[in-house]
């Protein structure tokens, strides 16, 4: 009988004790230990087994689990006598920043203090031992008191707090006569929240000092592992950590230990009599790429499928994706055009800057795409080195069907909740109902126009560009089943704004041209619409459609003119 799938369980001890569904990843212990790196940072998308693997490391190395070798019986690590002897022989500090999601700096700082206090509580036996002197016992209690009520206190200052893990390491080294291992899970969660909520710089200064004292200037440290989604830029957090081994999604270390390989997934399907579902599983959930390994699956979606027996956007639905949505929605027209390509199933070529500094996301080349790759939403299909530029160019695509659906849902959320009116606009667009199209665009422009522009200091010309490319993205995700939608491509003697090519040749094709109204250039908005329509004709934007066998009679032309938040749409008379 196959083990029961336990949804949401991230405790290695519980899974092994209850004989719950588990795919053996203990080979990671051996590979990491034999690598002998002082401090290892491993980045993987959310729900890829990072927390479970950190729990596994704790159960394996911690002296508190010295009697729990039975948890590893039958697993690959237990086949090696050397590792059976190593199990349960180290003092371990294990903590997580996963739950630290505050909307202000003090809240984040309090969360960090509480996380460290939980590590203190896990070793409270130290206070009753003879290895601590009276002053050390006093400081131990002072920190625990402060964590429950982190208000200003003459006993506690920031230096005392940022040194807390270093101090605890010293206590443990004194007690055990052995240097400590530190396992920190989801180190970057509070940093992402700090960027979204606007207190990035304050938190960076605090965390930098904490990490330097914990992972660099810590003579009691044997080795450490940190996990997260992103590699926060070295100059921000890890400024002085010259002993850091970074393993990102493009690295070839530890490629099969986080997530399920296709062989592992298919073996489970076969054991459960689900071999016929292999192609569907691959379509929905395959595509994650770590280093040169391109057959990785998200464990959360696979276990949910095994539990429920049906397909769904399980992984995509476990996060609000607010940061990603904001970066794309408020991004440049060029970024939105690149998203149009990706949503059409095509690829993007770009450099990646994996040292992500969140407050530079909007102006460092490749930074947004690096974030999307780190988060698992995009996958590197291949890469090539450009000797002239001295850079590696990555070819990126949307990871799989589940992530495609996530993007579509995210973009649909940019528009009014009343989807009936949006559907009606699409019908009016196809039918040439200008009255309804104008009414709809002017109704939503006030609400939506500014949201595509917020906080990015766009020029007057760039603002409507941001809007219409965002609007086109909405068309792309909502009408992809009926139309091929392309923007800003060469056709005839120029670049058209938008072309909608019907998949069914009984439908009309549509060419759109967008203009910004200028009092100096255009007498009226109506005159500007006429200019847009004449540009379609004069620049022969129909050429691409005609070459594809679509007759002139099947092609509709629309001119869109923006004057602030007013919109006027017209067609040839």
Protein backbone atom coordinates (compact mmCIF):
# COMPACT_ATOMS: atom_id res chain seq x y z
CA UNK A 1 0.00 0.00 0.00
CA UNK A 2 1.34 3.41 -0.95
CA UNK A 3 2.08 5.84 1.94
CA UNK A 4 -0.53 8.49 2.68
CA UNK A 5 0.09 11.91 1.15
CA UNK A 6 0.37 14.41 3.99
CA UNK A 7 -0.40 17.88 2.63
CA UNK A 8 1.52 20.81 4.09
CA UNK A 9 3.74 18.77 6.41
CA UNK A 10 7.28 20.13 6.45
CA UNK A 11 8.61 18.16 9.40
CA UNK A 12 10.97 15.37 8.37
CA UNK A 13 10.49 13.73 11.75
CA UNK A 14 6.69 13.60 11.40
CA UNK A 15 6.80 12.28 7.83
CA UNK A 16 9.17 9.46 8.75
CA UNK A 17 7.44 8.53 11.99
CA UNK A 18 4.00 8.46 10.33
CA UNK A 19 5.24 6.68 7.17
CA UNK A 20 3.83 9.51 5.06
CA UNK A 21 4.63 9.95 1.36
CA UNK A 22 8.30 10.90 0.96
CA UNK A 23 10.80 10.88 -1.90
CA UNK A 24 14.32 10.22 -0.62
CA UNK A 25 16.44 13.39 -0.73
CA UNK A 26 18.99 12.35 1.91
CA UNK A 27 21.68 12.25 -0.78
CA UNK A 28 21.77 16.01 -0.30
CA UNK A 29 23.27 15.48 3.18
CA UNK A 30 26.21 13.58 1.77
CA UNK A 31 26.83 15.93 -1.18
CA UNK A 32 26.69 19.04 1.04
CA UNK A 33 28.88 17.59 3.79
CA UNK A 34 31.54 16.41 1.38
CA UNK A 35 31.55 19.80 -0.36
CA UNK A 36 33.01 21.32 2.84
CA UNK A 37 31.73 24.83 2.06
CA UNK A 38 31.70 27.10 5.11
CA UNK A 39 28.43 28.90 4.34
CA UNK A 40 26.07 27.73 1.58
CA UNK A 41 23.17 29.76 0.22
CA UNK A 42 20.72 27.73 -1.88
CA UNK A 43 17.97 29.53 -3.81
CA UNK A 44 14.93 27.68 -5.12
CA UNK A 45 11.32 28.69 -5.87
CA UNK A 46 8.79 28.43 -3.08
CA UNK A 47 7.29 25.02 -2.29
CA UNK A 48 10.32 23.16 -3.58
CA UNK A 49 11.14 21.26 -0.41
CA UNK A 50 13.56 23.77 1.10
CA UNK A 51 11.93 23.69 4.53
CA UNK A 52 11.63 19.89 4.54
CA UNK A 53 15.29 19.54 3.60
CA UNK A 54 16.32 21.92 6.37
CA UNK A 55 14.27 19.86 8.81
CA UNK A 56 16.06 16.77 7.45
CA UNK A 57 19.47 18.40 8.08
CA UNK A 58 18.43 19.24 11.63
CA UNK A 59 17.23 15.70 12.32
CA UNK A 60 20.42 14.26 10.90
CA UNK A 61 23.09 16.43 12.51
CA UNK A 62 21.56 17.74 15.73
CA UNK A 63 22.66 16.20 19.01
CA UNK A 64 19.05 16.64 20.07
CA UNK A 65 18.21 13.89 17.56
CA UNK A 66 21.05 11.56 18.54
CA UNK A 67 18.55 8.81 19.35
CA UNK A 68 16.59 9.26 16.09
CA UNK A 69 18.78 7.40 13.65
CA UNK A 70 15.77 5.20 12.93
CA UNK A 71 14.29 8.12 10.94
CA UNK A 72 16.93 7.49 8.26
CA UNK A 73 16.70 3.70 8.06
CA UNK A 74 15.92 2.58 4.53
CA UNK A 75 17.10 5.88 3.03
CA UNK A 76 20.22 6.31 0.90
CA UNK A 77 22.29 8.13 3.53
CA UNK A 78 21.97 5.19 5.93
CA UNK A 79 23.81 2.90 3.53
CA UNK A 80 27.10 4.57 4.51
CA UNK A 81 28.64 3.66 7.86
CA UNK A 82 30.52 6.96 7.99
CA UNK A 83 27.21 8.84 8.00
CA UNK A 84 25.55 6.50 10.46
CA UNK A 85 28.37 7.45 12.84
CA UNK A 86 27.97 11.17 12.04
CA UNK A 87 24.22 11.32 12.75
CA UNK A 88 23.26 13.25 15.89
CA UNK A 89 26.76 14.50 16.75
CA UNK A 90 26.62 18.31 16.29
CA UNK A 91 25.12 21.25 18.15
CA UNK A 92 22.66 22.85 15.71
CA UNK A 93 20.91 26.21 15.58
CA UNK A 94 17.90 25.86 13.34
CA UNK A 95 15.58 28.78 12.57
CA UNK A 96 13.26 30.16 9.90
CA UNK A 97 12.35 33.65 8.68
CA UNK A 98 9.41 32.33 6.64
CA UNK A 99 6.70 33.93 8.76
CA UNK A 100 8.22 37.42 8.96
CA UNK A 101 5.89 39.49 6.78
CA UNK A 102 5.54 42.93 8.30
CA UNK A 103 4.46 46.19 6.70
CA UNK A 104 6.95 48.31 8.69
CA UNK A 105 10.53 48.02 9.89
CA UNK A 106 9.83 47.58 13.60
CA UNK A 107 7.44 44.72 12.87
CA UNK A 108 10.09 42.97 10.76
CA UNK A 109 12.74 43.52 13.42
CA UNK A 110 10.42 42.11 16.09
CA UNK A 111 9.83 39.07 13.89
CA UNK A 112 13.57 38.48 13.50
CA UNK A 113 14.02 38.73 17.26
CA UNK A 114 11.22 36.23 17.88
CA UNK A 115 12.73 33.79 15.37
CA UNK A 116 16.08 33.98 17.16
CA UNK A 117 14.35 33.65 20.55
CA UNK A 118 12.81 30.37 19.38
CA UNK A 119 16.35 29.11 18.73
CA UNK A 120 17.26 30.18 22.28
CA UNK A 121 14.22 28.34 23.65
CA UNK A 122 15.25 25.16 21.79
CA UNK A 123 18.45 25.20 23.86
CA UNK A 124 17.12 26.47 27.20
CA UNK A 125 18.85 23.55 28.93
CA UNK A 126 22.01 25.66 28.62
CA UNK A 127 20.79 28.01 31.35
CA UNK A 128 20.59 25.16 33.83
CA UNK A 129 24.08 23.91 33.02
CA UNK A 130 27.40 24.85 34.54
CA UNK A 131 28.83 25.97 31.19
CA UNK A 132 27.29 29.45 31.50
CA UNK A 133 28.43 31.89 34.16
CA UNK A 134 26.00 34.16 35.99
CA UNK A 135 26.40 37.06 33.57
CA UNK A 136 25.79 34.77 30.58
CA UNK A 137 22.69 33.31 32.24
CA UNK A 138 21.46 36.84 32.91
CA UNK A 139 21.97 37.84 29.26
CA UNK A 140 20.24 34.63 28.13
CA UNK A 141 17.14 35.54 30.11
CA UNK A 142 17.36 39.20 29.10
CA UNK A 143 17.17 38.32 25.41
CA UNK A 144 14.24 35.94 25.92
CA UNK A 145 12.39 38.62 27.94
CA UNK A 146 13.08 41.21 25.24
CA UNK A 147 11.75 38.89 22.52
CA UNK A 148 8.36 38.69 24.22
CA UNK A 149 8.18 42.49 24.62
CA UNK A 150 10.67 44.15 22.24
CA UNK A 151 10.36 47.69 23.61
CA UNK A 152 13.33 49.98 24.30
CA UNK A 153 15.35 48.57 27.19
CA UNK A 154 18.65 49.69 28.64
CA UNK A 155 19.68 46.01 28.80
CA UNK A 156 19.18 45.45 25.07
CA UNK A 157 20.43 47.43 22.08
CA UNK A 158 20.71 46.60 18.37
CA UNK A 159 24.27 45.36 18.77
CA UNK A 160 23.12 42.93 21.45
CA UNK A 161 20.34 41.68 19.13
CA UNK A 162 22.43 41.31 15.96
CA UNK A 163 25.02 39.36 17.98
CA UNK A 164 22.39 37.02 19.46
CA UNK A 165 23.09 34.01 17.20
CA UNK A 166 26.83 34.50 17.53
CA UNK A 167 26.40 34.53 21.31
CA UNK A 168 24.23 31.40 21.27
CA UNK A 169 26.86 29.68 19.09
CA UNK A 170 29.47 30.39 21.78
CA UNK A 171 27.26 28.94 24.50
CA UNK A 172 26.71 25.75 22.48
CA UNK A 173 30.38 25.39 21.58
CA UNK A 174 31.26 25.69 25.29
CA UNK A 175 28.63 23.12 26.28
CA UNK A 176 29.43 20.50 23.60
CA UNK A 177 33.10 21.25 23.00
CA UNK A 178 32.28 21.35 19.32
CA UNK A 179 31.55 24.12 16.81
CA UNK A 180 27.95 24.61 15.69
CA UNK A 181 25.98 24.13 12.48
CA UNK A 182 23.44 26.86 11.62
CA UNK A 183 20.47 26.21 9.33
CA UNK A 184 18.46 29.30 8.33
CA UNK A 185 15.38 28.73 6.17
CA UNK A 186 13.72 31.38 3.94
CA UNK A 187 16.23 34.10 4.82
CA UNK A 188 14.87 36.52 2.19
CA UNK A 189 11.15 36.53 3.08
CA UNK A 190 11.38 39.65 5.30
CA UNK A 191 13.54 41.38 2.68
CA UNK A 192 10.94 40.90 -0.06
CA UNK A 193 8.27 42.25 2.27
CA UNK A 194 10.52 45.22 3.09
CA UNK A 195 10.78 46.11 -0.60
CA UNK A 196 7.02 45.89 -1.18
CA UNK A 197 6.24 47.91 1.97
CA UNK A 198 8.95 50.56 1.53
CA UNK A 199 11.44 49.97 4.37
CA UNK A 200 14.12 48.11 2.39
CA UNK A 201 17.11 50.28 3.37
CA UNK A 202 16.41 50.12 7.12
CA UNK A 203 16.09 46.35 7.13
CA UNK A 204 19.15 45.82 4.94
CA UNK A 205 21.37 47.64 7.44
CA UNK A 206 20.05 45.54 10.32
CA UNK A 207 20.24 42.19 8.51
CA UNK A 208 23.71 42.90 7.12
CA UNK A 209 25.08 43.30 10.65
CA UNK A 210 23.17 40.21 11.84
CA UNK A 211 24.55 38.08 9.01
CA UNK A 212 28.12 39.33 9.38
CA UNK A 213 28.17 38.44 13.07
CA UNK A 214 26.41 35.10 12.49
CA UNK A 215 28.09 33.76 9.36
CA UNK A 216 31.42 35.59 9.05
CA UNK A 217 32.73 36.89 12.38
CA UNK A 218 31.61 33.78 14.26
CA UNK A 219 34.52 31.70 15.50
CA UNK A 220 32.10 29.14 16.91
CA UNK A 221 30.62 28.27 13.50
CA UNK A 222 31.50 24.99 11.78
CA UNK A 223 29.23 25.32 8.73
CA UNK A 224 25.93 26.88 7.73
CA UNK A 225 23.16 26.54 5.15
CA UNK A 226 20.75 29.29 4.18
CA UNK A 227 17.81 28.86 1.83
CA UNK A 228 15.63 31.40 0.06
CA UNK A 229 13.96 32.23 -3.23
CA UNK A 230 16.38 34.94 -4.33
CA UNK A 231 20.04 35.75 -4.05
CA UNK A 232 19.92 39.21 -2.56
CA UNK A 233 22.79 41.29 -3.94
CA UNK A 234 26.12 40.77 -2.21
CA UNK A 235 26.61 44.49 -1.73
CA UNK A 236 23.34 44.68 0.20
CA UNK A 237 23.29 41.74 2.62
CA UNK A 238 26.41 39.66 2.19
CA UNK A 239 28.81 42.58 1.81
CA UNK A 240 31.64 41.02 3.84
CA UNK A 241 30.89 37.30 3.47
CA UNK A 242 33.83 36.10 1.41
CA UNK A 243 33.19 32.55 2.62
CA UNK A 244 29.79 32.23 0.91
CA UNK A 245 29.03 29.48 -1.64
CA UNK A 246 25.96 30.55 -3.66
CA UNK A 247 23.88 27.92 -5.46
CA UNK A 248 21.18 29.52 -7.62
CA UNK A 249 18.74 27.96 -10.08
CA UNK A 250 21.32 28.27 -12.87
CA UNK A 251 24.02 26.45 -10.85
CA UNK A 252 24.86 22.79 -11.38
CA UNK A 253 25.19 21.93 -7.68
CA UNK A 254 22.39 20.13 -5.82
CA UNK A 255 20.19 20.09 -8.93
CA UNK A 256 18.08 17.05 -8.01
CA UNK A 257 17.72 17.52 -4.25
CA UNK A 258 15.07 20.27 -4.25
CA UNK A 259 11.95 19.29 -6.18
CA UNK A 260 11.05 15.98 -7.82
CA UNK A 261 12.81 14.63 -10.90
CA UNK A 262 10.67 13.26 -13.72
CA UNK A 263 11.91 9.73 -12.98
CA UNK A 264 10.76 10.11 -9.36
CA UNK A 265 7.35 11.47 -10.39
CA UNK A 266 6.74 8.80 -13.02
CA UNK A 267 7.77 6.03 -10.59
CA UNK A 268 5.11 7.24 -8.14
CA UNK A 269 2.48 7.39 -10.90
CA UNK A 270 3.30 3.81 -11.92
CA UNK A 271 3.04 2.53 -8.35
CA UNK A 272 -0.37 4.19 -8.01
CA UNK A 273 -1.68 2.93 -11.33
CA UNK A 274 -1.60 6.37 -12.95
CA UNK A 275 0.85 5.76 -15.78
CA UNK A 276 -1.71 7.01 -18.33
CA UNK A 277 -1.43 10.49 -16.76
CA UNK A 278 2.28 10.98 -17.49
CA UNK A 279 1.79 13.25 -20.51
CA UNK A 280 -0.79 15.40 -18.70
CA UNK A 281 1.44 15.67 -15.64
CA UNK A 282 4.34 16.74 -17.84
CA UNK A 283 2.17 19.36 -19.63
CA UNK A 284 0.87 20.85 -16.40
CA UNK A 285 3.82 20.67 -14.04
CA UNK A 286 7.13 19.90 -15.82
CA UNK A 287 9.61 22.50 -16.99
CA UNK A 288 11.51 23.70 -13.94
CA UNK A 289 15.21 23.92 -14.74
CA UNK A 290 18.08 23.86 -12.25
CA UNK A 291 21.50 24.15 -13.84
CA UNK A 292 21.65 21.75 -16.75
CA UNK A 293 18.83 19.62 -15.31
CA UNK A 294 15.53 20.42 -17.05
CA UNK A 295 13.17 17.71 -15.81
CA UNK A 296 12.21 19.05 -12.37
CA UNK A 297 8.68 19.16 -10.96
CA UNK A 298 7.20 21.22 -8.17
CA UNK A 299 6.51 18.92 -5.17
CA UNK A 300 3.47 20.87 -3.99
CA UNK A 301 1.52 20.46 -7.24
CA UNK A 302 2.47 16.80 -7.55
CA UNK A 303 1.44 15.93 -3.98
CA UNK A 304 -1.82 17.87 -4.36
CA UNK A 305 -2.57 16.00 -7.57
CA UNK A 306 -1.83 12.67 -5.85
CA UNK A 307 -4.07 13.66 -2.95
CA UNK A 308 -7.03 15.02 -4.94
CA UNK A 309 -6.70 13.11 -8.22
CA UNK A 310 -7.33 16.14 -10.41
CA UNK A 311 -5.33 18.93 -12.06
CA UNK A 312 -5.20 22.45 -10.76
CA UNK A 313 -3.01 25.51 -10.29
CA UNK A 314 -1.99 24.35 -6.82
CA UNK A 315 1.51 25.85 -6.69
CA UNK A 316 0.54 29.09 -8.43
CA UNK A 317 -2.32 29.60 -5.95
CA UNK A 318 -0.09 29.40 -2.85
CA UNK A 319 1.15 32.97 -3.27
CA UNK A 320 -0.45 36.32 -4.05
CA UNK A 321 2.40 37.15 -6.49
CA UNK A 322 1.97 40.84 -5.59
CA UNK A 323 5.60 41.79 -6.22
CA UNK A 324 5.70 40.15 -9.65
CA UNK A 325 2.35 41.65 -10.63
CA UNK A 326 3.39 45.17 -9.62
CA UNK A 327 6.72 45.00 -11.42
CA UNK A 328 5.08 43.93 -14.70
CA UNK A 329 2.00 46.13 -14.45
CA UNK A 330 4.01 49.28 -13.74
CA UNK A 331 6.90 48.28 -16.00
CA UNK A 332 7.99 49.87 -19.25
CA UNK A 333 6.21 49.34 -22.58
CA UNK A 334 9.19 47.23 -23.64
CA UNK A 335 8.74 44.92 -20.65
CA UNK A 336 5.04 44.49 -21.44
CA UNK A 337 5.86 43.70 -25.07
CA UNK A 338 8.27 41.04 -23.89
CA UNK A 339 5.52 39.59 -21.70
CA UNK A 340 3.23 39.52 -24.75
CA UNK A 341 5.82 37.37 -26.52
CA UNK A 342 6.10 35.00 -23.58
CA UNK A 343 2.34 34.68 -23.21
CA UNK A 344 2.11 33.82 -26.91
CA UNK A 345 4.40 30.84 -26.25
CA UNK A 346 7.49 32.51 -27.69
CA UNK A 347 10.84 33.17 -26.01
CA UNK A 348 12.83 36.08 -24.65
CA UNK A 349 16.60 36.48 -24.86
CA UNK A 350 18.22 38.44 -22.03
CA UNK A 351 21.09 38.58 -19.60
CA UNK A 352 20.37 37.56 -16.01
CA UNK A 353 21.57 39.43 -12.95
CA UNK A 354 21.12 36.89 -10.19
CA UNK A 355 22.49 39.20 -7.47
CA UNK A 356 19.09 40.79 -6.97
CA UNK A 357 18.92 44.11 -5.16
CA UNK A 358 15.22 44.79 -4.75
CA UNK A 359 15.41 48.57 -4.86
CA UNK A 360 17.21 48.29 -8.21
CA UNK A 361 14.73 45.94 -9.87
CA UNK A 362 13.37 48.61 -12.20
CA UNK A 363 16.63 49.89 -13.60
CA UNK A 364 19.17 47.04 -13.61
CA UNK A 365 19.25 45.15 -16.90
CA UNK A 366 17.92 41.62 -16.55
CA UNK A 367 16.92 42.06 -12.89
CA UNK A 368 13.16 41.50 -13.31
CA UNK A 369 13.71 38.45 -15.50
CA UNK A 370 16.21 37.13 -12.95
CA UNK A 371 13.56 37.45 -10.26
CA UNK A 372 11.02 35.58 -12.40
CA UNK A 373 13.55 32.80 -13.07
CA UNK A 374 14.43 32.56 -9.37
CA UNK A 375 10.73 32.41 -8.49
CA UNK A 376 10.17 29.58 -11.00
CA UNK A 377 7.80 31.48 -13.29
CA UNK A 378 10.26 31.47 -16.20
CA UNK A 379 12.73 28.77 -17.22
CA UNK A 380 16.05 29.02 -19.08
CA UNK A 381 15.58 27.00 -22.27
CA UNK A 382 19.22 27.36 -23.25
CA UNK A 383 22.05 29.86 -23.02
CA UNK A 384 24.98 31.08 -25.07
CA UNK A 385 28.05 33.15 -24.31
CA UNK A 386 28.42 36.40 -26.23
CA UNK A 387 32.20 36.96 -26.48
CA UNK A 388 31.80 40.49 -27.82
CA UNK A 389 29.80 41.60 -24.79
CA UNK A 390 31.40 39.15 -22.37
CA UNK A 391 27.95 38.08 -21.17
CA UNK A 392 25.87 34.92 -21.05
CA UNK A 393 22.56 35.34 -22.90
CA UNK A 394 19.69 33.20 -21.66
CA UNK A 395 16.67 32.16 -23.72
CA UNK A 396 13.66 32.19 -21.40
CA UNK A 397 10.14 30.81 -21.67
CA UNK A 398 7.14 30.40 -19.36
CA UNK A 399 7.77 27.32 -17.23
CA UNK A 400 4.66 25.22 -17.86
CA UNK A 401 0.88 25.28 -18.22
CA UNK A 402 0.32 25.99 -14.54
CA UNK A 403 2.51 29.08 -14.61
CA UNK A 404 0.94 30.22 -17.89
CA UNK A 405 -2.46 30.12 -16.18
CA UNK A 406 -1.00 32.05 -13.24
CA UNK A 407 0.17 34.87 -15.52
CA UNK A 408 -3.19 35.00 -17.28
CA UNK A 409 -5.04 35.22 -13.97
CA UNK A 410 -2.64 37.87 -12.69
CA UNK A 411 -3.07 40.09 -15.76
CA UNK A 412 -6.85 39.67 -15.78
CA UNK A 413 -6.77 40.99 -12.21
CA UNK A 414 -5.48 44.36 -13.45
CA UNK A 415 -8.85 45.15 -15.01
CA UNK A 416 -12.30 45.79 -13.54
CA UNK A 417 -13.84 42.96 -11.56
CA UNK A 418 -16.97 43.21 -13.71
CA UNK A 419 -15.80 40.73 -16.35
CA UNK A 420 -19.15 40.96 -18.10
CA UNK A 421 -18.33 44.47 -19.29
CA UNK A 422 -14.87 43.35 -20.39
CA UNK A 423 -16.40 40.50 -22.38
CA UNK A 424 -18.89 42.97 -23.85
CA UNK A 425 -16.03 45.24 -24.90
CA UNK A 426 -14.40 42.34 -26.73
CA UNK A 427 -17.66 41.61 -28.51
CA UNK A 428 -17.99 45.29 -29.43
CA UNK A 429 -14.39 45.33 -30.69
CA UNK A 430 -15.06 42.38 -32.97
CA UNK A 431 -18.40 43.77 -34.11
CA UNK A 432 -17.21 47.34 -34.64
CA UNK A 433 -19.57 48.84 -32.01
CA UNK A 434 -17.73 52.12 -31.52
CA UNK A 435 -20.26 53.58 -29.08
CA UNK A 436 -19.77 50.77 -26.58
CA UNK A 437 -16.00 50.64 -27.12
CA UNK A 438 -15.68 54.36 -26.39
CA UNK A 439 -17.94 54.17 -23.37
CA UNK A 440 -16.01 51.22 -21.92
CA UNK A 441 -12.54 52.68 -22.50
CA UNK A 442 -13.47 56.00 -20.92
CA UNK A 443 -15.14 54.27 -17.98
CA UNK A 444 -12.08 52.20 -17.13
CA UNK A 445 -9.34 54.66 -18.08
CA UNK A 446 -9.73 56.71 -14.89
CA UNK A 447 -9.55 53.58 -12.76
CA UNK A 448 -6.89 51.65 -14.63
CA UNK A 449 -4.78 54.24 -16.47
CA UNK A 450 -2.92 55.49 -13.37
CA UNK A 451 -2.32 51.96 -12.07
CA UNK A 452 -0.11 51.22 -15.08
CA UNK A 453 1.89 54.36 -14.38
CA UNK A 454 2.09 54.56 -10.57
CA UNK A 455 5.42 55.46 -9.05
CA UNK A 456 7.57 55.15 -12.17
CA UNK A 457 7.88 58.84 -13.23
CA UNK A 458 6.94 58.13 -16.81
CA UNK A 459 6.91 60.90 -19.37
CA UNK A 460 3.60 62.11 -20.75
CA UNK A 461 4.29 60.10 -23.91
CA UNK A 462 5.22 56.94 -22.01
CA UNK A 463 2.10 56.94 -19.83
CA UNK A 464 -0.42 56.00 -22.54
CA UNK A 465 2.14 53.55 -23.93
CA UNK A 466 2.24 51.80 -20.58
CA UNK A 467 -1.54 51.76 -20.53
CA UNK A 468 -2.11 50.42 -24.00
CA UNK A 469 0.54 47.72 -23.65
CA UNK A 470 -1.08 46.69 -20.39
CA UNK A 471 -4.42 46.72 -22.15
CA UNK A 472 -3.01 44.59 -24.98
CA UNK A 473 -1.71 42.11 -22.41
CA UNK A 474 -5.30 41.85 -21.18
CA UNK A 475 -6.42 41.06 -24.73
CA UNK A 476 -3.62 38.53 -25.12
CA UNK A 477 -4.57 36.51 -22.05
CA UNK A 478 -8.30 36.71 -22.66
CA UNK A 479 -8.55 36.19 -26.44
CA UNK A 480 -5.58 33.91 -27.10
CA UNK A 481 -7.92 31.05 -27.94
CA UNK A 482 -9.46 32.99 -30.82
CA UNK A 483 -6.71 35.35 -32.05
CA UNK A 484 -2.97 35.61 -32.55
CA UNK A 485 -2.20 38.99 -31.00
CA UNK A 486 1.02 40.84 -31.84
CA UNK A 487 2.28 44.33 -31.11
CA UNK A 488 5.05 46.68 -32.27
CA UNK A 489 6.23 44.58 -35.20
CA UNK A 490 7.40 45.48 -38.67
CA UNK A 491 4.78 45.28 -41.43
CA UNK A 492 4.79 47.22 -44.69
CA UNK A 493 6.78 50.44 -44.23
CA UNK A 494 6.62 50.76 -40.46
CA UNK A 495 5.77 49.29 -37.09
CA UNK A 496 2.12 48.78 -36.26
CA UNK A 497 0.87 49.02 -32.69
CA UNK A 498 -1.43 45.97 -32.49
CA UNK A 499 -2.59 43.31 -34.92
CA UNK A 500 -5.17 40.65 -34.09
CA UNK A 501 -5.05 37.79 -36.58
CA UNK A 502 -8.05 35.44 -36.37
CA UNK A 503 -7.44 31.73 -35.96
CA UNK A 504 -10.82 31.12 -37.60
CA UNK A 505 -10.82 32.74 -41.04
CA UNK A 506 -14.52 33.64 -40.73
CA UNK A 507 -13.61 36.22 -38.07
CA UNK A 508 -12.37 39.71 -38.88
CA UNK A 509 -8.72 40.67 -38.44
CA UNK A 510 -8.06 43.89 -36.53
CA UNK A 511 -5.31 46.51 -36.82
CA UNK A 512 -5.02 49.15 -34.05
CA UNK A 513 -2.95 52.33 -33.98
CA UNK A 514 -2.54 54.31 -30.73
CA UNK A 515 -1.81 58.04 -30.60
CA UNK A 516 -1.24 60.62 -27.89
CA UNK A 517 -3.25 63.81 -28.50
CA UNK A 518 -1.13 66.95 -28.87
CA UNK A 519 -2.68 70.42 -28.93
CA UNK A 520 0.21 71.63 -31.10
CA UNK A 521 -0.07 68.83 -33.66
CA UNK A 522 -3.77 68.04 -33.64
CA UNK A 523 -6.65 70.46 -33.67
CA UNK A 524 -9.09 67.93 -32.20
CA UNK A 525 -9.09 64.35 -30.94
CA UNK A 526 -11.16 63.45 -34.01
CA UNK A 527 -8.36 64.80 -36.21
CA UNK A 528 -5.84 62.72 -34.29
CA UNK A 529 -7.96 59.59 -34.84
CA UNK A 530 -7.97 60.33 -38.60
CA UNK A 531 -4.17 60.59 -38.51
CA UNK A 532 -3.92 57.21 -36.80
CA UNK A 533 -6.17 55.61 -39.42
CA UNK A 534 -4.26 57.22 -42.30
CA UNK A 535 -1.01 55.92 -40.81
CA UNK A 536 -2.39 52.37 -40.97
CA UNK A 537 -3.16 52.89 -44.66
CA UNK A 538 -0.05 54.82 -45.64
CA UNK A 539 2.38 52.52 -43.84
CA UNK A 540 0.60 49.45 -45.25
CA UNK A 541 0.19 47.71 -41.88
CA UNK A 542 -2.19 45.25 -43.55
CA UNK A 543 0.75 43.69 -45.44
CA UNK A 544 1.39 40.97 -42.87
CA UNK A 545 -2.28 39.93 -42.78
CA UNK A 546 -2.65 40.01 -46.57
CA UNK A 547 0.42 37.79 -46.91
CA UNK A 548 -1.29 35.29 -44.64
CA UNK A 549 -4.28 35.03 -46.99
CA UNK A 550 -6.68 37.39 -45.21
CA UNK A 551 -8.65 39.59 -47.61
CA UNK A 552 -8.89 43.38 -47.24
CA UNK A 553 -12.62 43.08 -46.61
CA UNK A 554 -11.89 40.99 -43.49
CA UNK A 555 -9.60 43.59 -41.91
CA UNK A 556 -10.92 46.27 -39.54
CA UNK A 557 -8.89 49.37 -38.63
CA UNK A 558 -9.23 51.21 -35.32
CA UNK A 559 -7.50 54.42 -34.20
CA UNK A 560 -7.14 55.00 -30.44
CA UNK A 561 -6.28 58.52 -29.23
CA UNK A 562 -5.39 59.37 -25.60
CA UNK A 563 -5.72 62.82 -24.08
CA UNK A 564 -4.87 62.38 -20.40
CA UNK A 565 -7.44 59.88 -19.19
CA UNK A 566 -9.84 60.59 -22.08
CA UNK A 567 -9.92 58.10 -24.92
CA UNK A 568 -11.45 58.35 -28.39
CA UNK A 569 -11.70 55.36 -30.73
CA UNK A 570 -12.58 55.65 -34.40
CA UNK A 571 -12.66 53.61 -37.61
CA UNK A 572 -12.58 54.60 -41.30
CA UNK A 573 -15.81 56.17 -42.55
